[in-house]
PDB file of N, CA and C in Angstrom:
ATOM      1  N   SER A   1     139.083  75.025 139.066  1.00  0.00           N
ATOM      2  CA  SER A   1     140.365  75.741 139.209  1.00  0.00           C
ATOM      3  C   SER A   1     140.337  77.091 138.462  1.00  0.00           C
ATOM      4  N   LEU A   2     139.816  77.031 137.211  1.00  0.00           N
ATOM      5  CA  LEU A   2     139.727  78.279 136.407  1.00  0.00           C
ATOM      6  C   LEU A   2     138.780  79.289 137.146  1.00  0.00           C
ATOM      7  N   PHE A   3     137.666  78.734 137.635  1.00  0.00           N
ATOM      8  CA  PHE A   3     136.708  79.571 138.341  1.00  0.00           C
ATOM      9  C   PHE A   3     137.320  80.232 139.601  1.00  0.00           C
ATOM     10  N   ILE A   4     138.059  79.478 140.347  1.00  0.00           N
ATOM     11  CA  ILE A   4     138.671  79.993 141.541  1.00  0.00           C
ATOM     12  C   ILE A   4     139.699  81.040 141.194  1.00  0.00           C
ATOM     13  N   ASP A   5     140.548  80.778 140.159  1.00  0.00           N
ATOM     14  CA  ASP A   5     141.555  81.738 139.791  1.00  0.00           C
ATOM     15  C   ASP A   5     140.865  83.028 139.300  1.00  0.00           C
ATOM     16  N   SER A   6     139.838  82.927 138.536  1.00  0.00           N
ATOM     17  CA  SER A   6     139.173  84.155 138.009  1.00  0.00           C
ATOM     18  C   SER A   6     138.547  84.964 139.179  1.00  0.00           C
ATOM     19  N   GLN A   7     137.999  84.288 140.174  1.00  0.00           N
ATOM     20  CA  GLN A   7     137.480  84.972 141.335  1.00  0.00           C
ATOM     21  C   GLN A   7     138.569  85.766 142.100  1.00  0.00           C
ATOM     22  N   ASP A   8     139.715  85.126 142.164  1.00  0.00           N
ATOM     23  CA  ASP A   8     140.856  85.700 142.906  1.00  0.00           C
ATOM     24  C   ASP A   8     141.361  86.967 142.039  1.00  0.00           C
ATOM     25  N   ASP A   9     141.324  86.859 140.728  1.00  0.00           N
ATOM     26  CA  ASP A   9     141.694  87.968 139.911  1.00  0.00           C
ATOM     27  C   ASP A   9     140.747  89.159 140.075  1.00  0.00           C
ATOM     28  N   VAL A  10     139.438  88.844 140.129  1.00  0.00           N
ATOM     29  CA  VAL A  10     138.423  89.917 140.338  1.00  0.00           C
ATOM     30  C   VAL A  10     138.598  90.555 141.675  1.00  0.00           C
ATOM     31  N   ALA A  11     138.840  89.760 142.638  1.00  0.00           N
ATOM     32  CA  ALA A  11     138.926  90.316 144.017  1.00  0.00           C
ATOM     33  C   ALA A  11     140.160  91.140 144.122  1.00  0.00           C
ATOM     34  N   GLY A  12     141.300  90.754 143.467  1.00  0.00           N
ATOM     35  CA  GLY A  12     142.495  91.503 143.493  1.00  0.00           C
ATOM     36  C   GLY A  12     142.335  92.843 142.772  1.00  0.00           C
ATOM     37  N   ALA A  13     141.579  92.768 141.663  1.00  0.00           N
ATOM     38  CA  ALA A  13     141.375  94.018 140.843  1.00  0.00           C
ATOM     39  C   ALA A  13     140.488  94.973 141.647  1.00  0.00           C
ATOM     40  N   LEU A  14     139.524  94.457 142.307  1.00  0.00           N
ATOM     41  CA  LEU A  14     138.645  95.407 143.105  1.00  0.00           C
ATOM     42  C   LEU A  14     139.396  95.989 144.237  1.00  0.00           C
ATOM     43  N   LYS A  15     140.190  95.187 144.939  1.00  0.00           N
ATOM     44  CA  LYS A  15     141.081  95.669 146.015  1.00  0.00           C
ATOM     45  C   LYS A  15     141.976  96.780 145.510  1.00  0.00           C
ATOM     46  N   SER A  16     142.586  96.511 144.404  1.00  0.00           N
ATOM     47  CA  SER A  16     143.536  97.448 143.816  1.00  0.00           C
ATOM     48  C   SER A  16     142.869  98.815 143.490  1.00  0.00           C
ATOM     49  N   ILE A  17     141.632  98.688 142.950  1.00  0.00           N
ATOM     50  CA  ILE A  17     140.869  99.961 142.637  1.00  0.00           C
ATOM     51  C   ILE A  17     140.536 100.675 143.949  1.00  0.00           C
ATOM     52  N   ALA A  18     140.067  99.949 144.914  1.00  0.00           N
ATOM     53  CA  ALA A  18     139.629 100.535 146.237  1.00  0.00           C
ATOM     54  C   ALA A  18     140.880 101.191 146.855  1.00  0.00           C
ATOM     55  N   GLU A  19     142.040 100.579 146.732  1.00  0.00           N
ATOM     56  CA  GLU A  19     143.219 101.240 147.327  1.00  0.00           C
ATOM     57  C   GLU A  19     143.685 102.387 146.566  1.00  0.00           C
ATOM     58  N   GLU A  20     143.379 102.424 145.210  1.00  0.00           N
ATOM     59  CA  GLU A  20     143.885 103.444 144.360  1.00  0.00           C
ATOM     60  C   GLU A  20     142.998 104.731 144.407  1.00  0.00           C
ATOM     61  N   LEU A  21     141.736 104.566 144.718  1.00  0.00           N
ATOM     62  CA  LEU A  21     140.810 105.751 144.704  1.00  0.00           C
ATOM     63  C   LEU A  21     141.247 106.839 145.614  1.00  0.00           C
ATOM     64  N   PRO A  22     141.706 106.578 146.921  1.00  0.00           N
ATOM     65  CA  PRO A  22     142.114 107.727 147.712  1.00  0.00           C
ATOM     66  C   PRO A  22     143.403 108.348 147.106  1.00  0.00           C
ATOM     67  N   ARG A  23     144.301 107.549 146.484  1.00  0.00           N
ATOM     68  CA  ARG A  23     145.489 108.078 145.863  1.00  0.00           C
ATOM     69  C   ARG A  23     145.106 108.972 144.706  1.00  0.00           C
ATOM     70  N   LEU A  24     144.082 108.558 143.867  1.00  0.00           N
ATOM     71  CA  LEU A  24     143.600 109.382 142.741  1.00  0.00           C
ATOM     72  C   LEU A  24     143.110 110.691 143.256  1.00  0.00           C
ATOM     73  N   GLN A  25     142.277 110.662 144.268  1.00  0.00           N
ATOM     74  CA  GLN A  25     141.723 111.861 144.821  1.00  0.00           C
ATOM     75  C   GLN A  25     142.796 112.836 145.328  1.00  0.00           C
ATOM     76  N   ASP A  26     143.841 112.283 146.018  1.00  0.00           N
ATOM     77  CA  ASP A  26     144.881 113.075 146.525  1.00  0.00           C
ATOM     78  C   ASP A  26     145.722 113.688 145.335  1.00  0.00           C
ATOM     79  N   ARG A  27     145.976 112.933 144.327  1.00  0.00           N
ATOM     80  CA  ARG A  27     146.729 113.424 143.201  1.00  0.00           C
ATOM     81  C   ARG A  27     145.926 114.504 142.430  1.00  0.00           C
ATOM     82  N   HIS A  28     144.620 114.291 142.367  1.00  0.00           N
ATOM     83  CA  HIS A  28     143.787 115.326 141.617  1.00  0.00           C
ATOM     84  C   HIS A  28     143.813 116.649 142.507  1.00  0.00           C
ATOM     85  N   HIS A  29     143.736 116.468 143.858  1.00  0.00           N
ATOM     86  CA  HIS A  29     143.760 117.657 144.709  1.00  0.00           C
ATOM     87  C   HIS A  29     145.126 118.411 144.571  1.00  0.00           C
ATOM     88  N   ARG A  30     146.173 117.644 144.594  1.00  0.00           N
ATOM     89  CA  ARG A  30     147.514 118.260 144.456  1.00  0.00           C
ATOM     90  C   ARG A  30     147.683 119.006 143.151  1.00  0.00           C
ATOM     91  N   THR A  31     147.178 118.472 142.088  1.00  0.00           N
ATOM     92  CA  THR A  31     147.303 119.134 140.758  1.00  0.00           C
ATOM     93  C   THR A  31     146.470 120.451 140.817  1.00  0.00           C
ATOM     94  N   LEU A  32     145.286 120.366 141.373  1.00  0.00           N
ATOM     95  CA  LEU A  32     144.495 121.666 141.381  1.00  0.00           C
ATOM     96  C   LEU A  32     145.130 122.633 142.370  1.00  0.00           C
ATOM     97  N   VAL A  33     145.687 122.246 143.502  1.00  0.00           N
ATOM     98  CA  VAL A  33     146.295 123.151 144.440  1.00  0.00           C
ATOM     99  C   VAL A  33     147.502 123.802 143.756  1.00  0.00           C
ATOM    100  N   PHE A  34     148.250 123.090 142.977  1.00  0.00           N
ATOM    101  CA  PHE A  34     149.385 123.632 142.244  1.00  0.00           C
ATOM    102  C   PHE A  34     148.920 124.817 141.426  1.00  0.00           C
ATOM    103  N   LEU A  35     147.830 124.591 140.684  1.00  0.00           N
ATOM    104  CA  LEU A  35     147.292 125.655 139.832  1.00  0.00           C
ATOM    105  C   LEU A  35     146.786 126.815 140.657  1.00  0.00           C
ATOM    106  N   GLN A  36     146.135 126.506 141.709  1.00  0.00           N
ATOM    107  CA  GLN A  36     145.569 127.616 142.560  1.00  0.00           C
ATOM    108  C   GLN A  36     146.682 128.449 143.120  1.00  0.00           C
ATOM    109  N   GLU A  37     147.798 127.826 143.519  1.00  0.00           N
ATOM    110  CA  GLU A  37     148.906 128.536 144.058  1.00  0.00           C
ATOM    111  C   GLU A  37     149.564 129.494 143.055  1.00  0.00           C
ATOM    112  N   HIS A  38     149.214 129.261 141.718  1.00  0.00           N
ATOM    113  CA  HIS A  38     149.688 130.183 140.716  1.00  0.00           C
ATOM    114  C   HIS A  38     148.606 131.021 140.123  1.00  0.00           C
ATOM    115  N   GLY A  39     147.576 131.234 140.952  1.00  0.00           N
ATOM    116  CA  GLY A  39     146.508 132.151 140.567  1.00  0.00           C
ATOM    117  C   GLY A  39     145.407 131.626 139.657  1.00  0.00           C
ATOM    118  N   ILE A  40     145.367 130.310 139.446  1.00  0.00           N
ATOM    119  CA  ILE A  40     144.405 129.723 138.570  1.00  0.00           C
ATOM    120  C   ILE A  40     143.446 128.953 139.333  1.00  0.00           C
ATOM    121  N   ALA A  41     142.234 129.607 139.541  1.00  0.00           N
ATOM    122  CA  ALA A  41     141.227 128.948 140.352  1.00  0.00           C
ATOM    123  C   ALA A  41     140.263 128.064 139.569  1.00  0.00           C
ATOM    124  N   ASP A  42     140.091 128.292 138.315  1.00  0.00           N
ATOM    125  CA  ASP A  42     139.228 127.553 137.438  1.00  0.00           C
ATOM    126  C   ASP A  42     139.896 127.252 136.127  1.00  0.00           C
ATOM    127  N   ILE A  43     140.245 126.041 135.965  1.00  0.00           N
ATOM    128  CA  ILE A  43     141.011 125.602 134.809  1.00  0.00           C
ATOM    129  C   ILE A  43     140.252 125.780 133.524  1.00  0.00           C
ATOM    130  N   TYR A  44     138.956 125.745 133.580  1.00  0.00           N
ATOM    131  CA  TYR A  44     138.083 125.920 132.362  1.00  0.00           C
ATOM    132  C   TYR A  44     138.028 127.364 131.924  1.00  0.00           C
ATOM    133  N   ASP A  45     137.795 128.255 132.897  1.00  0.00           N
ATOM    134  CA  ASP A  45     137.690 129.660 132.605  1.00  0.00           C
ATOM    135  C   ASP A  45     139.048 130.340 132.414  1.00  0.00           C
ATOM    136  N   GLN A  46     140.096 129.727 132.922  1.00  0.00           N
ATOM    137  CA  GLN A  46     141.431 130.288 132.796  1.00  0.00           C
ATOM    138  C   GLN A  46     142.396 129.425 132.069  1.00  0.00           C
ATOM    139  N   MET A  47     141.965 128.844 130.999  1.00  0.00           N
ATOM    140  CA  MET A  47     142.751 127.950 130.139  1.00  0.00           C
ATOM    141  C   MET A  47     144.001 128.678 129.577  1.00  0.00           C
ATOM    142  N   ASP A  48     143.800 129.915 129.187  1.00  0.00           N
ATOM    143  CA  ASP A  48     144.981 130.661 128.683  1.00  0.00           C
ATOM    144  C   ASP A  48     146.048 130.912 129.751  1.00  0.00           C
ATOM    145  N   ALA A  49     145.607 131.212 130.938  1.00  0.00           N
ATOM    146  CA  ALA A  49     146.526 131.366 132.063  1.00  0.00           C
ATOM    147  C   ALA A  49     147.260 130.060 132.345  1.00  0.00           C
ATOM    148  N   CYS A  50     146.606 128.923 132.222  1.00  0.00           N
ATOM    149  CA  CYS A  50     147.320 127.637 132.391  1.00  0.00           C
ATOM    150  C   CYS A  50     148.425 127.480 131.357  1.00  0.00           C
ATOM    151  N   ILE A  51     148.022 127.785 130.168  1.00  0.00           N
ATOM    152  CA  ILE A  51     149.007 127.610 129.066  1.00  0.00           C
ATOM    153  C   ILE A  51     150.176 128.550 129.214  1.00  0.00           C
ATOM    154  N   PHE A  52     149.961 129.787 129.578  1.00  0.00           N
ATOM    155  CA  PHE A  52     151.045 130.736 129.741  1.00  0.00           C
ATOM    156  C   PHE A  52     151.965 130.344 130.936  1.00  0.00           C
ATOM    157  N   LEU A  53     151.333 129.861 132.008  1.00  0.00           N
ATOM    158  CA  LEU A  53     152.103 129.463 133.122  1.00  0.00           C
ATOM    159  C   LEU A  53     153.082 128.315 132.750  1.00  0.00           C
ATOM    160  N   LEU A  54     152.564 127.352 132.084  1.00  0.00           N
ATOM    161  CA  LEU A  54     153.393 126.194 131.725  1.00  0.00           C
ATOM    162  C   LEU A  54     154.346 126.501 130.556  1.00  0.00           C
ATOM    163  N   LYS A  55     154.010 127.463 129.699  1.00  0.00           N
ATOM    164  CA  LYS A  55     154.849 127.781 128.560  1.00  0.00           C
ATOM    165  C   LYS A  55     156.084 128.566 128.999  1.00  0.00           C
ATOM    166  N   ASP A  56     155.864 129.425 129.928  1.00  0.00           N
ATOM    167  CA  ASP A  56     156.922 130.428 130.239  1.00  0.00           C
ATOM    168  C   ASP A  56     157.847 130.127 131.480  1.00  0.00           C
ATOM    169  N   ASN A  57     157.446 129.031 132.148  1.00  0.00           N
ATOM    170  CA  ASN A  57     158.125 128.669 133.401  1.00  0.00           C
ATOM    171  C   ASN A  57     158.545 127.180 133.423  1.00  0.00           C
ATOM    172  N   GLU A  58     159.850 127.003 133.107  1.00  0.00           N
ATOM    173  CA  GLU A  58     160.340 125.637 132.973  1.00  0.00           C
ATOM    174  C   GLU A  58     160.154 124.835 134.330  1.00  0.00           C
ATOM    175  N   ARG A  59     160.463 125.458 135.469  1.00  0.00           N
ATOM    176  CA  ARG A  59     160.425 124.780 136.777  1.00  0.00           C
ATOM    177  C   ARG A  59     158.944 124.406 137.051  1.00  0.00           C
ATOM    178  N   GLU A  60     158.029 125.318 136.906  1.00  0.00           N
ATOM    179  CA  GLU A  60     156.593 125.051 137.145  1.00  0.00           C
ATOM    180  C   GLU A  60     156.108 123.997 136.148  1.00  0.00           C
ATOM    181  N   ARG A  61     156.536 124.119 134.902  1.00  0.00           N
ATOM    182  CA  ARG A  61     156.053 123.102 133.941  1.00  0.00           C
ATOM    183  C   ARG A  61     156.526 121.681 134.353  1.00  0.00           C
ATOM    184  N   ALA A  62     157.720 121.541 134.805  1.00  0.00           N
ATOM    185  CA  ALA A  62     158.235 120.272 135.196  1.00  0.00           C
ATOM    186  C   ALA A  62     157.504 119.703 136.383  1.00  0.00           C
ATOM    187  N   GLU A  63     157.195 120.592 137.363  1.00  0.00           N
ATOM    188  CA  GLU A  63     156.447 120.164 138.565  1.00  0.00           C
ATOM    189  C   GLU A  63     155.002 119.777 138.134  1.00  0.00           C
ATOM    190  N   PHE A  64     154.390 120.489 137.293  1.00  0.00           N
ATOM    191  CA  PHE A  64     153.046 120.179 136.771  1.00  0.00           C
ATOM    192  C   PHE A  64     153.074 118.852 136.005  1.00  0.00           C
ATOM    193  N   VAL A  65     154.057 118.625 135.227  1.00  0.00           N
ATOM    194  CA  VAL A  65     154.122 117.406 134.453  1.00  0.00           C
ATOM    195  C   VAL A  65     154.221 116.186 135.342  1.00  0.00           C
ATOM    196  N   ASN A  66     154.948 116.337 136.416  1.00  0.00           N
ATOM    197  CA  ASN A  66     155.100 115.199 137.429  1.00  0.00           C
ATOM    198  C   ASN A  66     153.753 115.014 138.129  1.00  0.00           C
ATOM    199  N   LEU A  67     153.148 116.095 138.542  1.00  0.00           N
ATOM    200  CA  LEU A  67     151.789 115.994 139.173  1.00  0.00           C
ATOM    201  C   LEU A  67     150.799 115.317 138.244  1.00  0.00           C
ATOM    202  N   LEU A  68     150.751 115.771 136.991  1.00  0.00           N
ATOM    203  CA  LEU A  68     149.805 115.240 136.011  1.00  0.00           C
ATOM    204  C   LEU A  68     150.112 113.781 135.720  1.00  0.00           C
ATOM    205  N   LYS A  69     151.374 113.435 135.620  1.00  0.00           N
ATOM    206  CA  LYS A  69     151.803 112.030 135.321  1.00  0.00           C
ATOM    207  C   LYS A  69     151.273 111.102 136.476  1.00  0.00           C
ATOM    208  N   ASP A  70     151.495 111.509 137.719  1.00  0.00           N
ATOM    209  CA  ASP A  70     150.986 110.789 138.803  1.00  0.00           C
ATOM    210  C   ASP A  70     149.476 110.603 138.873  1.00  0.00           C
ATOM    211  N   PHE A  71     148.798 111.692 138.579  1.00  0.00           N
ATOM    212  CA  PHE A  71     147.339 111.677 138.479  1.00  0.00           C
ATOM    213  C   PHE A  71     146.886 110.697 137.311  1.00  0.00           C
ATOM    214  N   LEU A  72     147.494 110.818 136.224  1.00  0.00           N
ATOM    215  CA  LEU A  72     146.989 109.969 135.071  1.00  0.00           C
ATOM    216  C   LEU A  72     147.329 108.483 135.299  1.00  0.00           C
ATOM    217  N   THR A  73     148.430 108.260 136.022  1.00  0.00           N
ATOM    218  CA  THR A  73     148.742 106.862 136.376  1.00  0.00           C
ATOM    219  C   THR A  73     147.658 106.296 137.278  1.00  0.00           C
ATOM    220  N   SER A  74     147.245 107.012 138.200  1.00  0.00           N
ATOM    221  CA  SER A  74     146.122 106.526 139.111  1.00  0.00           C
ATOM    222  C   SER A  74     144.820 106.384 138.292  1.00  0.00           C
ATOM    223  N   LEU A  75     144.546 107.334 137.467  1.00  0.00           N
ATOM    224  CA  LEU A  75     143.326 107.302 136.634  1.00  0.00           C
ATOM    225  C   LEU A  75     143.267 106.061 135.766  1.00  0.00           C
ATOM    226  N   ASP A  76     144.445 105.722 135.229  1.00  0.00           N
ATOM    227  CA  ASP A  76     144.495 104.527 134.338  1.00  0.00           C
ATOM    228  C   ASP A  76     144.185 103.239 135.159  1.00  0.00           C
ATOM    229  N   ILE A  77     144.580 103.227 136.400  1.00  0.00           N
ATOM    230  CA  ILE A  77     144.304 102.042 137.254  1.00  0.00           C
ATOM    231  C   ILE A  77     142.777 101.968 137.591  1.00  0.00           C
ATOM    232  N   VAL A  78     142.176 103.110 137.802  1.00  0.00           N
ATOM    233  CA  VAL A  78     140.744 103.187 138.244  1.00  0.00           C
ATOM    234  C   VAL A  78     139.768 102.936 137.125  1.00  0.00           C
ATOM    235  N   LEU A  79     140.083 103.574 135.982  1.00  0.00           N
ATOM    236  CA  LEU A  79     139.108 103.585 134.923  1.00  0.00           C
ATOM    237  C   LEU A  79     139.209 102.195 134.179  1.00  0.00           C
ATOM    238  N   PRO A  80     138.061 101.766 133.661  1.00  0.00           N
ATOM    239  CA  PRO A  80     138.112 100.559 132.837  1.00  0.00           C
ATOM    240  C   PRO A  80     138.924 100.760 131.522  1.00  0.00           C
ATOM    241  N   ARG A  81     139.519  99.630 131.081  1.00  0.00           N
ATOM    242  CA  ARG A  81     140.321  99.782 129.868  1.00  0.00           C
ATOM    243  C   ARG A  81     139.634  98.959 128.711  1.00  0.00           C
ATOM    244  N   PRO A  82     139.228  99.641 127.698  1.00  0.00           N
ATOM    245  CA  PRO A  82     138.638  98.913 126.555  1.00  0.00           C
ATOM    246  C   PRO A  82     139.734  98.092 125.820  1.00  0.00           C
ATOM    247  N   GLU A  83     139.498  96.866 125.793  1.00  0.00           N
ATOM    248  CA  GLU A  83     140.510  96.003 125.083  1.00  0.00           C
ATOM    249  C   GLU A  83     139.841  95.056 124.149  1.00  0.00           C
TER     250      GLU A  83
END
């Protein structure tokens, strides 16, 4: 019984990750598109521009926070959790 239950748990976890991967990719893409729409093509080379965009624009900051929150939620599901 314990073996069967653990197999079901593993299968459910793998299915959950497989279902979440496309969502993670979409959320990553949406976050990058948001930045590109504001003239930021490379977040690493334009880190200051990212900071100024979010610092000076409350509406854009709120939108970015929501996009980032969704992305990080998916990332938490996909990545392993050290426990």
